Structure formats: C-alpha cells, structure tokens
Amino acid sequence: MLTDRRKFMRLAGATAAAAGAALGATPAAAQMTGQFKNIQALAFDAYGTLFDVFSVTALCEQLFPGKGNQLAQIWRAKQLQYSLMRSLMGRHRDFWGLTEDGLVWATKNLQLDLTVDKKKQLMDAYLSLAAFPDVKPGLEALKKQGIKLAILSNGEPKMLEAAAKSAGIRDLLDDVISVEEVKIFKGSPRVYNLAPEHLKVTNPELGFVSANSWDIMALRPPG
C-alpha cells in the first residue's frame, strides 16, 4: 500500500508509459506494474490526496492579513478532529457542517472577526480547491490502463462533485463515493467497504490511495 501520493502518481505515469520498451525496463515502472498486476480499480482519498486543502491559505491571508497560514492550519486540524470525535461518539454531522464548525473555532481561537461574507468566501473555497499538479496526468495515465477510478471521501457529495469538476477531473472518475451513505467517517470499516460495492470489484482487485497515515492504518489487518 503506497502512502506517498506524489510517488504514487509519478509511478502511475511511468507504468502507463511502460508499454514502450525503454520505460518498461525501469525499476520504478517494473515495481508499479507488479503492484498493479491484479488491480482492477483504485479509490482515492480526496482532501490532501487529490485536492490541496491548503490552497485556501491565500484567501485566508487576503481576508486576515498576517494570520492566513495559522488559520488554514488550525481550520484543517479541527476539521479532522471533529470528524474523528463524532465517529467515536456516534453523532454524525456532514463534512460541510464540520468544515464550517472548524472554521468558526479556528477564527475564534485566533480572535478574528469572521463576518457572514468572509465565512461564505472561505466555505465556498472548499468547492474549488486546487488539485495537486500531478493529479490529472496521473489519473489520465491510470484511465488509459482501463483501471476504474473513484473518490472515497469524508466529503459531502455536493462538495466532492464541485471540487472534482472545478479541478477538471470529474470525467476521469467512474464514481464519487461519500461517507454520507453510511453516516460515519473514515476509518470505520463501513466506509472502506463502500468502494468494492460501488466499483463492482473484490477487495483484492481494489487499491486505496491516501496521503493520510491514519487512513492507511485503518485498512491494515489487526495483529
């Protein structure tokens, strides 16, 4: 299981190109080809893996000069903390709501005046997060291999659809899968089980890609 998203996307491109004899001989391409031997589908985490959650930093700095980086960092930390806490408590609230809650907490913590207009601007930024520059070419390379591609994310469906369209990758995806189907966040096994169901593959035929170490740990067998 690859945890380094940049390495994965780079090697995915090399594997697709490995149809040519020259690249087919490279260790990176050979390694990835071996890993993909039985893989029929790949599910990707969205936030931090495909989409750069810190692409909001520039707007945070514009609205709150001198506090932009702090705000973006605390906002993301609280967003994740709230998702984990609510899963443990069994008190679900969709990710759009948690994103707003995290923003409100972060601005209060930094003693910033979050007006209605500023809140709307920052929340809307989550609908058009920048994708990492290697995402689209990596997905295109995988698509050429006939691999089914999907997002599997904590995000609320409208958030994910908007971000995927804004990043220009929605047409490359076979499905966009949200935890809202099971009303609990990752790493509940109920979430990860959605991917093989949606993509019509068995677990050994499915790969999962995430930049989050806790995502990967949740998928490891016990012991």
C-alpha atoms as a PDB file:
ATOM      1  CA  MET A   1       0.000   0.000   0.000  1.00  0.00           C
ATOM      2  CA  LEU A   2       1.587   3.278  -1.088  1.00  0.00           C
ATOM      3  CA  THR A   3       1.225   6.176   1.350  1.00  0.00           C
ATOM      4  CA  ASP A   4       3.228   8.787  -0.583  1.00  0.00           C
ATOM      5  CA  ARG A   5       0.696  10.262  -3.009  1.00  0.00           C
ATOM      6  CA  ARG A   6       3.292  12.101  -5.084  1.00  0.00           C
ATOM      7  CA  LYS A   7       5.386   8.953  -5.529  1.00  0.00           C
ATOM      8  CA  PHE A   8       2.262   7.019  -6.459  1.00  0.00           C
ATOM      9  CA  MET A   9       1.084   9.480  -9.092  1.00  0.00           C
ATOM     10  CA  ARG A  10       4.567   9.744 -10.567  1.00  0.00           C
ATOM     11  CA  LEU A  11       4.950   5.981 -10.783  1.00  0.00           C
ATOM     12  CA  ALA A  12       1.453   5.616 -12.207  1.00  0.00           C
ATOM     13  CA  GLY A  13       2.504   7.755 -15.124  1.00  0.00           C
ATOM     14  CA  ALA A  14       5.651   5.689 -15.568  1.00  0.00           C
ATOM     15  CA  THR A  15       3.633   2.486 -15.554  1.00  0.00           C
ATOM     16  CA  ALA A  16       1.284   3.732 -18.240  1.00  0.00           C
ATOM     17  CA  ALA A  17       4.234   4.709 -20.376  1.00  0.00           C
ATOM     18  CA  ALA A  18       5.838   1.335 -19.761  1.00  0.00           C
ATOM     19  CA  ALA A  19       4.068  -0.014 -22.798  1.00  0.00           C
ATOM     20  CA  GLY A  20       7.163   1.338 -24.537  1.00  0.00           C
ATOM     21  CA  ALA A  21      10.227  -0.887 -24.208  1.00  0.00           C
ATOM     22  CA  ALA A  22      12.502   1.785 -22.798  1.00  0.00           C
ATOM     23  CA  LEU A  23      10.431   2.641 -19.738  1.00  0.00           C
ATOM     24  CA  GLY A  24       9.337  -0.947 -19.361  1.00  0.00           C
ATOM     25  CA  ALA A  25      12.863  -1.711 -18.199  1.00  0.00           C
ATOM     26  CA  THR A  26      12.997   0.933 -15.446  1.00  0.00           C
ATOM     27  CA  PRO A  27      12.810  -0.330 -11.825  1.00  0.00           C
ATOM     28  CA  ALA A  28      10.057   2.172 -10.952  1.00  0.00           C
ATOM     29  CA  ALA A  29       7.819   1.072 -13.797  1.00  0.00           C
ATOM     30  CA  ALA A  30       8.524  -2.598 -13.126  1.00  0.00           C
ATOM     31  CA  GLN A  31       7.682  -2.167  -9.448  1.00  0.00           C
ATOM     32  CA  MET A  32       4.397  -0.418 -10.167  1.00  0.00           C
ATOM     33  CA  THR A  33       3.457  -2.892 -12.875  1.00  0.00           C
ATOM     34  CA  GLY A  34       3.912  -5.718 -10.380  1.00  0.00           C
ATOM     35  CA  GLN A  35       1.795  -3.949  -7.786  1.00  0.00           C
ATOM     36  CA  PHE A  36      -0.950  -3.351 -10.345  1.00  0.00           C
ATOM     37  CA  LYS A  37      -0.999  -6.912 -11.639  1.00  0.00           C
ATOM     38  CA  ASN A  38      -4.388  -7.796 -10.115  1.00  0.00           C
ATOM     39  CA  ILE A  39      -5.721  -4.286  -9.530  1.00  0.00           C
ATOM     40  CA  GLN A  40      -8.934  -3.509 -11.421  1.00  0.00           C
ATOM     41  CA  ALA A  41      -9.946  -0.337  -9.550  1.00  0.00           C
ATOM     42  CA  LEU A  42      -8.452   2.410  -7.412  1.00  0.00           C
ATOM     43  CA  ALA A  43     -10.228   4.533  -4.809  1.00  0.00           C
ATOM     44  CA  PHE A  44      -8.607   7.830  -3.823  1.00  0.00           C
ATOM     45  CA  ASP A  45      -8.974   9.879  -0.700  1.00  0.00           C
ATOM     46  CA  ALA A  46      -9.913  13.422  -1.714  1.00  0.00           C
ATOM     47  CA  TYR A  47      -8.680  16.022   0.765  1.00  0.00           C
ATOM     48  CA  GLY A  48      -4.898  16.114   0.989  1.00  0.00           C
ATOM     49  CA  THR A  49      -4.508  13.386  -1.631  1.00  0.00           C
ATOM     50  CA  LEU A  50      -6.185  14.760  -4.757  1.00  0.00           C
ATOM     51  CA  PHE A  51      -7.115  18.230  -3.519  1.00  0.00           C
ATOM     52  CA  ASP A  52      -4.749  20.592  -1.725  1.00  0.00           C
ATOM     53  CA  VAL A  53      -6.653  21.659   1.392  1.00  0.00           C
ATOM     54  CA  PHE A  54      -4.077  24.391   1.983  1.00  0.00           C
ATOM     55  CA  SER A  55      -4.858  26.075  -1.315  1.00  0.00           C
ATOM     56  CA  VAL A  56      -7.275  28.124   0.850  1.00  0.00           C
ATOM     57  CA  THR A  57      -4.289  29.747   2.568  1.00  0.00           C
ATOM     58  CA  ALA A  58      -4.025  32.604   0.072  1.00  0.00           C
ATOM     59  CA  LEU A  59      -7.653  33.558   0.643  1.00  0.00           C
ATOM     60  CA  CYS A  60      -7.221  33.232   4.417  1.00  0.00           C
ATOM     61  CA  GLU A  61      -4.272  35.640   4.196  1.00  0.00           C
ATOM     62  CA  GLN A  62      -6.195  38.040   1.972  1.00  0.00           C
ATOM     63  CA  LEU A  63      -9.100  38.195   4.424  1.00  0.00           C
ATOM     64  CA  PHE A  64      -6.974  38.099   7.587  1.00  0.00           C
ATOM     65  CA  PRO A  65      -3.517  39.561   6.803  1.00  0.00           C
ATOM     66  CA  GLY A  66      -0.714  38.020   8.832  1.00  0.00           C
ATOM     67  CA  LYS A  67      -2.927  35.165  10.042  1.00  0.00           C
ATOM     68  CA  GLY A  68      -3.585  33.246   6.832  1.00  0.00           C
ATOM     69  CA  ASN A  69      -1.252  30.303   7.373  1.00  0.00           C
ATOM     70  CA  GLN A  70      -2.242  29.844  11.010  1.00  0.00           C
ATOM     71  CA  LEU A  71      -5.912  29.980  10.121  1.00  0.00           C
ATOM     72  CA  ALA A  72      -5.586  27.404   7.332  1.00  0.00           C
ATOM     73  CA  GLN A  73      -3.596  25.020   9.550  1.00  0.00           C
ATOM     74  CA  ILE A  74      -5.915  25.230  12.560  1.00  0.00           C
ATOM     75  CA  TRP A  75      -9.017  25.009  10.371  1.00  0.00           C
ATOM     76  CA  ARG A  76      -7.830  21.755   8.812  1.00  0.00           C
ATOM     77  CA  ALA A  77      -6.763  20.300  12.176  1.00  0.00           C
ATOM     78  CA  LYS A  78     -10.163  20.990  13.761  1.00  0.00           C
ATOM     79  CA  GLN A  79     -11.998  19.649  10.719  1.00  0.00           C
ATOM     80  CA  LEU A  80     -10.210  16.308  11.097  1.00  0.00           C
ATOM     81  CA  GLN A  81     -10.524  16.290  14.877  1.00  0.00           C
ATOM     82  CA  TYR A  82     -14.270  16.839  14.697  1.00  0.00           C
ATOM     83  CA  SER A  83     -14.704  14.008  12.185  1.00  0.00           C
ATOM     84  CA  LEU A  84     -12.834  11.546  14.406  1.00  0.00           C
ATOM     85  CA  MET A  85     -14.610  12.654  17.575  1.00  0.00           C
ATOM     86  CA  ARG A  86     -18.062  12.438  16.019  1.00  0.00           C
ATOM     87  CA  SER A  87     -17.337   8.961  14.672  1.00  0.00           C
ATOM     88  CA  LEU A  88     -16.284   7.818  18.144  1.00  0.00           C
ATOM     89  CA  MET A  89     -19.385   9.353  19.710  1.00  0.00           C
ATOM     90  CA  GLY A  90     -21.770   8.119  17.004  1.00  0.00           C
ATOM     91  CA  ARG A  91     -23.062  11.676  16.463  1.00  0.00           C
ATOM     92  CA  HIS A  92     -22.804  12.324  12.750  1.00  0.00           C
ATOM     93  CA  ARG A  93     -22.780  15.717  11.064  1.00  0.00           C
ATOM     94  CA  ASP A  94     -21.895  16.015   7.394  1.00  0.00           C
ATOM     95  CA  PHE A  95     -18.452  17.237   6.362  1.00  0.00           C
ATOM     96  CA  TRP A  96     -19.717  20.575   5.109  1.00  0.00           C
ATOM     97  CA  GLY A  97     -21.050  21.243   8.603  1.00  0.00           C
ATOM     98  CA  LEU A  98     -17.791  20.100  10.202  1.00  0.00           C
ATOM     99  CA  THR A  99     -15.813  22.306   7.842  1.00  0.00           C
ATOM    100  CA  GLU A 100     -17.885  25.285   8.962  1.00  0.00           C
ATOM    101  CA  ASP A 101     -17.540  24.300  12.632  1.00  0.00           C
ATOM    102  CA  GLY A 102     -13.770  24.039  12.223  1.00  0.00           C
ATOM    103  CA  LEU A 103     -13.594  27.451  10.574  1.00  0.00           C
ATOM    104  CA  VAL A 104     -15.633  29.091  13.338  1.00  0.00           C
ATOM    105  CA  TRP A 105     -13.439  27.514  16.034  1.00  0.00           C
ATOM    106  CA  ALA A 106     -10.225  28.495  14.276  1.00  0.00           C
ATOM    107  CA  THR A 107     -11.213  32.145  13.856  1.00  0.00           C
ATOM    108  CA  LYS A 108     -12.359  32.376  17.477  1.00  0.00           C
ATOM    109  CA  ASN A 109      -9.097  30.809  18.628  1.00  0.00           C
ATOM    110  CA  LEU A 110      -7.149  33.418  16.661  1.00  0.00           C
ATOM    111  CA  GLN A 111      -9.531  36.200  17.758  1.00  0.00           C
ATOM    112  CA  LEU A 112     -10.512  37.040  14.198  1.00  0.00           C
ATOM    113  CA  ASP A 113     -13.773  38.697  13.169  1.00  0.00           C
ATOM    114  CA  LEU A 114     -15.478  36.130  10.927  1.00  0.00           C
ATOM    115  CA  THR A 115     -18.226  38.101   9.208  1.00  0.00           C
ATOM    116  CA  VAL A 116     -21.001  36.413   7.263  1.00  0.00           C
ATOM    117  CA  ASP A 117     -19.377  37.478   3.994  1.00  0.00           C
ATOM    118  CA  LYS A 118     -15.916  36.209   4.971  1.00  0.00           C
ATOM    119  CA  LYS A 119     -17.344  32.904   6.146  1.00  0.00           C
ATOM    120  CA  LYS A 120     -19.124  32.425   2.843  1.00  0.00           C
ATOM    121  CA  GLN A 121     -15.986  33.197   0.855  1.00  0.00           C
ATOM    122  CA  LEU A 122     -13.909  30.723   2.835  1.00  0.00           C
ATOM    123  CA  MET A 123     -16.533  27.981   2.764  1.00  0.00           C
ATOM    124  CA  ASP A 124     -17.033  28.430  -0.976  1.00  0.00           C
ATOM    125  CA  ALA A 125     -13.283  27.989  -1.423  1.00  0.00           C
ATOM    126  CA  TYR A 126     -13.752  24.344  -0.417  1.00  0.00           C
ATOM    127  CA  LEU A 127     -15.883  23.853  -3.522  1.00  0.00           C
ATOM    128  CA  SER A 128     -12.980  24.804  -5.789  1.00  0.00           C
ATOM    129  CA  LEU A 129      -9.874  23.539  -4.019  1.00  0.00           C
ATOM    130  CA  ALA A 130      -6.827  23.278  -6.268  1.00  0.00           C
ATOM    131  CA  ALA A 131      -5.819  19.772  -7.264  1.00  0.00           C
ATOM    132  CA  PHE A 132      -2.144  18.895  -6.896  1.00  0.00           C
ATOM    133  CA  PRO A 133      -0.439  19.390 -10.281  1.00  0.00           C
ATOM    134  CA  ASP A 134       0.321  15.678 -10.726  1.00  0.00           C
ATOM    135  CA  VAL A 135      -3.263  14.543 -10.125  1.00  0.00           C
ATOM    136  CA  LYS A 136      -4.833  14.989 -13.543  1.00  0.00           C
ATOM    137  CA  PRO A 137      -1.959  13.467 -15.573  1.00  0.00           C
ATOM    138  CA  GLY A 138      -1.718  10.615 -13.077  1.00  0.00           C
ATOM    139  CA  LEU A 139      -5.422   9.832 -13.318  1.00  0.00           C
ATOM    140  CA  GLU A 140      -5.287  10.084 -17.103  1.00  0.00           C
ATOM    141  CA  ALA A 141      -2.435   7.570 -17.175  1.00  0.00           C
ATOM    142  CA  LEU A 142      -4.362   5.162 -14.967  1.00  0.00           C
ATOM    143  CA  LYS A 143      -7.526   5.591 -17.002  1.00  0.00           C
ATOM    144  CA  LYS A 144      -5.646   4.582 -20.154  1.00  0.00           C
ATOM    145  CA  GLN A 145      -4.843   1.284 -18.477  1.00  0.00           C
ATOM    146  CA  GLY A 146      -8.546   0.562 -18.084  1.00  0.00           C
ATOM    147  CA  ILE A 147      -8.496   0.909 -14.304  1.00  0.00           C
ATOM    148  CA  LYS A 148     -11.720   2.070 -12.668  1.00  0.00           C
ATOM    149  CA  LEU A 149     -11.171   5.259 -10.658  1.00  0.00           C
ATOM    150  CA  ALA A 150     -13.184   6.700  -7.795  1.00  0.00           C
ATOM    151  CA  ILE A 151     -13.043   9.112  -4.905  1.00  0.00           C
ATOM    152  CA  LEU A 152     -13.791   7.658  -1.460  1.00  0.00           C
ATOM    153  CA  SER A 153     -14.015  10.553   0.955  1.00  0.00           C
ATOM    154  CA  ASN A 154     -15.372  12.044   4.146  1.00  0.00           C
ATOM    155  CA  GLY A 155     -16.645  14.886   1.980  1.00  0.00           C
ATOM    156  CA  GLU A 156     -20.313  15.594   1.486  1.00  0.00           C
ATOM    157  CA  PRO A 157     -21.446  14.643  -2.067  1.00  0.00           C
ATOM    158  CA  LYS A 158     -22.023  18.185  -3.340  1.00  0.00           C
ATOM    159  CA  MET A 159     -18.627  19.282  -2.002  1.00  0.00           C
ATOM    160  CA  LEU A 160     -16.846  16.435  -3.780  1.00  0.00           C
ATOM    161  CA  GLU A 161     -18.692  16.856  -7.064  1.00  0.00           C
ATOM    162  CA  ALA A 162     -17.984  20.590  -7.112  1.00  0.00           C
ATOM    163  CA  ALA A 163     -14.287  20.165  -6.315  1.00  0.00           C
ATOM    164  CA  ALA A 164     -13.829  17.389  -8.895  1.00  0.00           C
ATOM    165  CA  LYS A 165     -15.486  19.462 -11.616  1.00  0.00           C
ATOM    166  CA  SER A 166     -13.515  22.573 -10.677  1.00  0.00           C
ATOM    167  CA  ALA A 167     -10.260  20.593 -10.864  1.00  0.00           C
ATOM    168  CA  GLY A 168     -11.191  19.171 -14.268  1.00  0.00           C
ATOM    169  CA  ILE A 169     -11.036  15.532 -13.149  1.00  0.00           C
ATOM    170  CA  ARG A 170     -14.695  14.562 -12.813  1.00  0.00           C
ATOM    171  CA  ASP A 171     -14.804  12.950 -16.265  1.00  0.00           C
ATOM    172  CA  LEU A 172     -11.901  10.701 -15.279  1.00  0.00           C
ATOM    173  CA  LEU A 173     -13.786   9.259 -12.313  1.00  0.00           C
ATOM    174  CA  ASP A 174     -16.157   6.324 -12.506  1.00  0.00           C
ATOM    175  CA  ASP A 175     -17.708   7.227  -9.175  1.00  0.00           C
ATOM    176  CA  VAL A 176     -17.592   9.709  -6.310  1.00  0.00           C
ATOM    177  CA  ILE A 177     -18.316   7.904  -3.042  1.00  0.00           C
ATOM    178  CA  SER A 178     -19.161   9.780   0.143  1.00  0.00           C
ATOM    179  CA  VAL A 179     -19.360   8.588   3.725  1.00  0.00           C
ATOM    180  CA  GLU A 180     -22.828  10.111   3.814  1.00  0.00           C
ATOM    181  CA  GLU A 181     -24.120   6.720   2.625  1.00  0.00           C
ATOM    182  CA  VAL A 182     -23.199   5.183   5.991  1.00  0.00           C
ATOM    183  CA  LYS A 183     -23.198   8.320   8.200  1.00  0.00           C
ATOM    184  CA  ILE A 184     -19.797   7.711   9.780  1.00  0.00           C
ATOM    185  CA  PHE A 185     -16.337   8.953   8.877  1.00  0.00           C
ATOM    186  CA  LYS A 186     -13.141   7.113   7.944  1.00  0.00           C
ATOM    187  CA  GLY A 187     -11.543   4.927   9.440  1.00  0.00           C
ATOM    188  CA  SER A 188     -14.726   2.972  10.054  1.00  0.00           C
ATOM    189  CA  PRO A 189     -14.620  -0.265   8.007  1.00  0.00           C
ATOM    190  CA  ARG A 190     -18.146   0.573   6.860  1.00  0.00           C
ATOM    191  CA  VAL A 191     -16.712   3.425   4.798  1.00  0.00           C
ATOM    192  CA  TYR A 192     -13.979   1.443   3.059  1.00  0.00           C
ATOM    193  CA  ASN A 193     -16.427  -1.352   2.222  1.00  0.00           C
ATOM    194  CA  LEU A 194     -18.353   1.112   0.047  1.00  0.00           C
ATOM    195  CA  ALA A 195     -15.646   1.131  -2.634  1.00  0.00           C
ATOM    196  CA  PRO A 196     -15.782  -2.518  -3.773  1.00  0.00           C
ATOM    197  CA  GLU A 197     -19.590  -2.359  -3.692  1.00  0.00           C
ATOM    198  CA  HIS A 198     -19.700   0.709  -5.937  1.00  0.00           C
ATOM    199  CA  LEU A 199     -16.952  -0.360  -8.310  1.00  0.00           C
ATOM    200  CA  LYS A 200     -18.114  -3.991  -8.595  1.00  0.00           C
ATOM    201  CA  VAL A 201     -14.746  -5.498  -7.705  1.00  0.00           C
ATOM    202  CA  THR A 202     -13.442  -7.763  -4.958  1.00  0.00           C
ATOM    203  CA  ASN A 203     -11.177  -6.464  -2.199  1.00  0.00           C
ATOM    204  CA  PRO A 204      -8.002  -7.980  -3.744  1.00  0.00           C
ATOM    205  CA  GLU A 205      -8.840  -6.207  -7.016  1.00  0.00           C
ATOM    206  CA  LEU A 206      -9.126  -2.798  -5.328  1.00  0.00           C
ATOM    207  CA  GLY A 207      -6.355  -0.420  -4.338  1.00  0.00           C
ATOM    208  CA  PHE A 208      -6.795   2.545  -1.992  1.00  0.00           C
ATOM    209  CA  VAL A 209      -4.596   5.653  -2.183  1.00  0.00           C
ATOM    210  CA  SER A 210      -4.360   8.203   0.614  1.00  0.00           C
ATOM    211  CA  ALA A 211      -1.896  10.790   1.868  1.00  0.00           C
ATOM    212  CA  ASN A 212      -3.244  10.256   5.389  1.00  0.00           C
ATOM    213  CA  SER A 213      -1.348   7.722   7.509  1.00  0.00           C
ATOM    214  CA  TRP A 214      -4.417   7.096   9.669  1.00  0.00           C
ATOM    215  CA  ASP A 215      -6.372   6.187   6.534  1.00  0.00           C
ATOM    216  CA  ILE A 216      -3.828   3.515   5.689  1.00  0.00           C
ATOM    217  CA  MET A 217      -3.634   2.216   9.267  1.00  0.00           C
ATOM    218  CA  ALA A 218      -7.414   1.770   9.326  1.00  0.00           C
ATOM    219  CA  LEU A 219      -7.119  -0.637   6.384  1.00  0.00           C
ATOM    220  CA  ARG A 220      -4.380  -2.796   7.854  1.00  0.00           C
ATOM    221  CA  PRO A 221      -5.472  -6.178   9.228  1.00  0.00           C
ATOM    222  CA  PRO A 222      -5.222  -6.485  13.027  1.00  0.00           C
ATOM    223  CA  GLY A 223      -2.227  -8.176  14.590  1.00  0.00           C
END
